[in-house]
């Protein structure tokens, strides 16, 4: 009887030790990258993965069956020339931007109510409605984003009225110069979210070069599923 108790206790200790060791195993981003230090709103932020091996996904991104439309599954290739990227590439772009490469801008395309739940460190919030004339975006507002945020320039003596006509005629590229425009890395809530695709499609209509647009299709849902760091949005 005593030997059975000892065996049971020994087995229990093995199970406990296994659980403790499993809980303590480090969670890296890749085999060669444990963390990435980036800048967000002028402050240093360290991107890591949640180190709790038993952690589960943020409930805000746990739904599997949002009604479609509008929350329909997005394709892997959004448009010709627009590259679809994943988490490691996203971190690469954020790191380059944080290290001083001002030719890159990471854009959170979601509306502020979603951004308040948390965003990817280094991202700037430019809601999809701000580039959508059907949602009230003005020509002046669109031009301001294209020139002041994205690095495009007006060609020659063109004015806002010229851009207004060009938007109607899908010829904005004739009046705006994108040669020095930034590479935009855009995301929203996930593979079922249409906010960043809407931003991207409108930018393409405005003549923005497809090769200067990167799309993180997985968005916040995949980012949260992988336990990657988020920061409070404004």
Protein backbone atom coordinates (compact mmCIF):
# COMPACT_ATOMS: atom_id res chain seq x y z
CA UNK A 1 0.00 0.00 0.00
CA UNK A 2 2.82 2.36 0.95
CA UNK A 3 4.62 1.66 -2.32
CA UNK A 4 1.48 2.51 -4.30
CA UNK A 5 1.19 5.84 -2.49
CA UNK A 6 4.82 6.61 -3.24
CA UNK A 7 4.38 5.72 -6.91
CA UNK A 8 1.25 7.88 -7.15
CA UNK A 9 3.03 10.79 -5.48
CA UNK A 10 6.00 10.39 -7.81
CA UNK A 11 3.73 10.34 -10.86
CA UNK A 12 1.91 13.43 -9.63
CA UNK A 13 5.21 15.22 -9.14
CA UNK A 14 6.24 14.36 -12.70
CA UNK A 15 2.98 15.77 -14.07
CA UNK A 16 3.38 18.91 -11.97
CA UNK A 17 7.00 19.35 -13.12
CA UNK A 18 5.98 18.86 -16.75
CA UNK A 19 3.23 21.48 -16.42
CA UNK A 20 5.59 23.96 -14.76
CA UNK A 21 8.31 23.47 -17.36
CA UNK A 22 5.79 23.76 -20.19
CA UNK A 23 4.40 26.98 -18.71
CA UNK A 24 7.92 28.39 -18.51
CA UNK A 25 9.00 27.67 -22.07
CA UNK A 26 9.90 30.94 -23.85
CA UNK A 27 7.74 32.17 -26.69
CA UNK A 28 9.80 33.82 -29.41
CA UNK A 29 8.64 35.58 -32.57
CA UNK A 30 10.95 33.49 -34.77
CA UNK A 31 13.85 31.18 -33.81
CA UNK A 32 16.20 34.13 -34.28
CA UNK A 33 13.99 36.97 -33.00
CA UNK A 34 12.71 37.08 -29.44
CA UNK A 35 11.52 40.68 -29.51
CA UNK A 36 11.57 43.86 -31.57
CA UNK A 37 11.99 47.36 -30.17
CA UNK A 38 9.99 49.93 -32.13
CA UNK A 39 8.66 53.46 -31.71
CA UNK A 40 5.01 54.35 -31.15
CA UNK A 41 3.94 57.98 -30.72
CA UNK A 42 7.49 58.95 -29.85
CA UNK A 43 7.95 56.26 -27.19
CA UNK A 44 9.89 53.01 -27.31
CA UNK A 45 7.72 49.87 -27.31
CA UNK A 46 8.93 46.28 -27.26
CA UNK A 47 7.00 43.83 -29.44
CA UNK A 48 7.01 40.35 -27.93
CA UNK A 49 4.63 37.42 -27.74
CA UNK A 50 2.66 36.62 -24.62
CA UNK A 51 4.90 34.35 -22.51
CA UNK A 52 2.03 32.49 -20.82
CA UNK A 53 1.83 29.14 -22.62
CA UNK A 54 -1.80 28.82 -21.52
CA UNK A 55 -2.90 32.23 -22.75
CA UNK A 56 -5.99 32.34 -24.96
CA UNK A 57 -7.08 34.82 -27.59
CA UNK A 58 -8.56 38.21 -26.77
CA UNK A 59 -12.36 37.69 -26.67
CA UNK A 60 -12.84 40.67 -29.00
CA UNK A 61 -11.25 38.56 -31.74
CA UNK A 62 -12.65 35.15 -30.82
CA UNK A 63 -15.79 35.29 -32.99
CA UNK A 64 -15.78 32.90 -35.93
CA UNK A 65 -19.08 33.79 -37.62
CA UNK A 66 -19.56 37.49 -38.17
CA UNK A 67 -22.41 38.11 -40.64
CA UNK A 68 -21.40 38.39 -44.30
CA UNK A 69 -22.01 40.88 -45.75
CA UNK A 70 -20.29 42.99 -44.62
CA UNK A 71 -17.78 40.78 -42.77
CA UNK A 72 -16.86 38.51 -45.66
CA UNK A 73 -13.64 36.50 -46.13
CA UNK A 74 -11.09 38.49 -48.09
CA UNK A 75 -9.02 36.94 -50.92
CA UNK A 76 -5.31 36.27 -50.50
CA UNK A 77 -4.48 38.60 -53.40
CA UNK A 78 -6.43 41.84 -53.07
CA UNK A 79 -5.32 43.52 -56.29
CA UNK A 80 -2.55 43.06 -58.89
CA UNK A 81 0.74 44.43 -57.60
CA UNK A 82 -0.41 44.75 -53.97
CA UNK A 83 1.72 42.40 -51.87
CA UNK A 84 0.04 40.41 -49.08
CA UNK A 85 2.27 40.07 -46.02
CA UNK A 86 2.23 38.29 -42.65
CA UNK A 87 3.44 39.05 -39.14
CA UNK A 88 7.20 38.75 -39.60
CA UNK A 89 7.09 41.10 -42.60
CA UNK A 90 4.89 43.51 -40.64
CA UNK A 91 7.40 43.60 -37.79
CA UNK A 92 10.18 44.12 -40.35
CA UNK A 93 8.42 47.20 -41.76
CA UNK A 94 7.64 48.59 -38.31
CA UNK A 95 11.26 48.14 -37.26
CA UNK A 96 12.58 49.86 -40.39
CA UNK A 97 10.18 52.75 -39.88
CA UNK A 98 11.14 53.04 -36.20
CA UNK A 99 14.82 53.04 -37.13
CA UNK A 100 14.31 56.17 -39.20
CA UNK A 101 13.15 54.99 -42.63
CA UNK A 102 10.57 57.68 -43.42
CA UNK A 103 9.65 56.06 -46.73
CA UNK A 104 7.38 53.63 -44.85
CA UNK A 105 4.08 54.22 -43.06
CA UNK A 106 2.13 51.53 -41.21
CA UNK A 107 -1.57 52.37 -41.38
CA UNK A 108 -4.37 51.10 -39.16
CA UNK A 109 -7.40 51.54 -41.42
CA UNK A 110 -10.01 50.86 -38.74
CA UNK A 111 -12.52 53.27 -37.25
CA UNK A 112 -11.54 54.80 -33.88
CA UNK A 113 -13.93 52.60 -31.86
CA UNK A 114 -11.93 49.54 -32.94
CA UNK A 115 -8.56 51.24 -32.52
CA UNK A 116 -9.40 52.05 -28.90
CA UNK A 117 -9.36 48.29 -28.18
CA UNK A 118 -5.66 48.23 -29.10
CA UNK A 119 -3.48 48.57 -32.18
CA UNK A 120 -0.14 47.36 -33.54
CA UNK A 121 2.80 49.39 -32.16
CA UNK A 122 4.05 51.94 -34.68
CA UNK A 123 0.78 52.19 -36.61
CA UNK A 124 -0.95 55.44 -37.50
CA UNK A 125 -4.74 55.43 -37.55
CA UNK A 126 -6.28 56.68 -40.81
CA UNK A 127 -9.86 55.34 -40.89
CA UNK A 128 -11.13 53.89 -44.16
CA UNK A 129 -13.85 56.54 -44.23
CA UNK A 130 -11.22 59.29 -44.56
CA UNK A 131 -10.36 58.14 -48.11
CA UNK A 132 -13.86 57.20 -49.22
CA UNK A 133 -15.87 59.96 -50.96
CA UNK A 134 -19.04 57.86 -50.54
CA UNK A 135 -18.54 58.07 -46.77
CA UNK A 136 -18.09 61.83 -46.70
CA UNK A 137 -14.38 62.18 -47.43
CA UNK A 138 -13.80 65.54 -49.12
CA UNK A 139 -11.36 66.14 -51.95
CA UNK A 140 -9.43 68.56 -49.75
CA UNK A 141 -9.23 65.94 -46.99
CA UNK A 142 -8.08 63.23 -49.39
CA UNK A 143 -5.39 65.47 -50.88
CA UNK A 144 -4.20 66.41 -47.38
CA UNK A 145 -3.73 62.73 -46.51
CA UNK A 146 -2.04 61.94 -49.83
CA UNK A 147 0.40 64.85 -49.55
CA UNK A 148 0.93 65.39 -45.82
CA UNK A 149 0.75 61.78 -44.62
CA UNK A 150 1.74 59.69 -47.65
CA UNK A 151 4.37 61.93 -49.26
CA UNK A 152 2.71 62.53 -52.64
CA UNK A 153 2.84 65.95 -54.34
CA UNK A 154 0.58 67.97 -56.57
CA UNK A 155 1.84 68.13 -60.16
CA UNK A 156 2.68 71.59 -61.46
CA UNK A 157 -0.03 74.17 -60.90
CA UNK A 158 -2.86 71.75 -60.29
CA UNK A 159 -5.39 72.74 -57.63
CA UNK A 160 -7.98 71.01 -55.47
CA UNK A 161 -10.60 71.53 -58.18
CA UNK A 162 -8.42 69.64 -60.64
CA UNK A 163 -8.18 66.75 -58.19
CA UNK A 164 -11.94 66.88 -57.66
CA UNK A 165 -12.50 66.40 -61.38
CA UNK A 166 -9.82 63.71 -61.48
CA UNK A 167 -11.53 61.74 -58.69
CA UNK A 168 -14.77 61.75 -60.66
CA UNK A 169 -12.91 60.63 -63.79
CA UNK A 170 -10.62 58.13 -62.00
CA UNK A 171 -7.54 60.03 -63.18
CA UNK A 172 -6.00 61.37 -59.97
CA UNK A 173 -2.61 60.09 -61.09
CA UNK A 174 -2.64 62.78 -63.77
CA UNK A 175 -2.61 65.58 -61.20
CA UNK A 176 -0.73 64.02 -58.27
CA UNK A 177 2.90 62.86 -58.34
CA UNK A 178 3.53 59.61 -56.44
CA UNK A 179 7.21 59.19 -57.32
CA UNK A 180 8.32 59.91 -53.74
CA UNK A 181 5.21 58.57 -52.01
CA UNK A 182 5.66 56.28 -49.02
CA UNK A 183 5.30 52.52 -48.98
CA UNK A 184 2.05 51.96 -47.10
CA UNK A 185 1.62 48.87 -44.92
CA UNK A 186 -2.10 48.59 -44.25
CA UNK A 187 -4.18 46.42 -41.95
CA UNK A 188 -7.52 46.25 -40.16
CA UNK A 189 -9.30 43.60 -38.06
CA UNK A 190 -8.51 40.46 -40.00
CA UNK A 191 -9.21 38.26 -42.98
CA UNK A 192 -12.93 39.04 -42.66
CA UNK A 193 -12.49 42.83 -42.42
CA UNK A 194 -13.10 45.17 -45.34
CA UNK A 195 -11.70 48.39 -43.90
CA UNK A 196 -8.10 48.18 -45.15
CA UNK A 197 -9.24 46.65 -48.49
CA UNK A 198 -11.53 49.66 -48.90
CA UNK A 199 -8.64 52.05 -48.22
CA UNK A 200 -6.43 50.16 -50.66
CA UNK A 201 -9.02 50.05 -53.44
CA UNK A 202 -9.64 53.77 -53.13
CA UNK A 203 -5.90 54.50 -53.18
CA UNK A 204 -5.57 52.47 -56.38
CA UNK A 205 -8.41 54.51 -57.89
CA UNK A 206 -6.48 57.63 -56.93
CA UNK A 207 -3.48 56.35 -58.87
CA UNK A 208 -1.38 55.25 -55.91
CA UNK A 209 1.25 52.77 -57.16
CA UNK A 210 0.23 49.20 -56.29
CA UNK A 211 3.86 48.25 -55.62
CA UNK A 212 3.93 50.84 -52.83
CA UNK A 213 1.04 49.18 -50.99
CA UNK A 214 1.48 46.20 -48.67
CA UNK A 215 -1.50 44.45 -47.08
CA UNK A 216 -1.38 42.58 -43.78
CA UNK A 217 -4.40 40.38 -44.42
CA UNK A 218 -4.37 38.68 -40.99
CA UNK A 219 -4.74 42.02 -39.23
CA UNK A 220 -5.56 42.33 -35.55
CA UNK A 221 -7.16 38.90 -35.29
CA UNK A 222 -4.02 37.04 -36.35
CA UNK A 223 -1.84 39.46 -34.37
CA UNK A 224 -3.88 38.74 -31.23
CA UNK A 225 -4.01 34.97 -31.89
CA UNK A 226 -0.20 34.93 -31.93
CA UNK A 227 -0.06 36.83 -28.64
CA UNK A 228 1.87 39.75 -30.10
CA UNK A 229 2.09 43.06 -28.24
CA UNK A 230 -0.52 45.74 -28.74
CA UNK A 231 -0.73 49.32 -27.50
CA UNK A 232 -3.76 51.40 -26.54
CA UNK A 233 -5.15 53.34 -29.48
CA UNK A 234 -6.15 56.97 -29.37
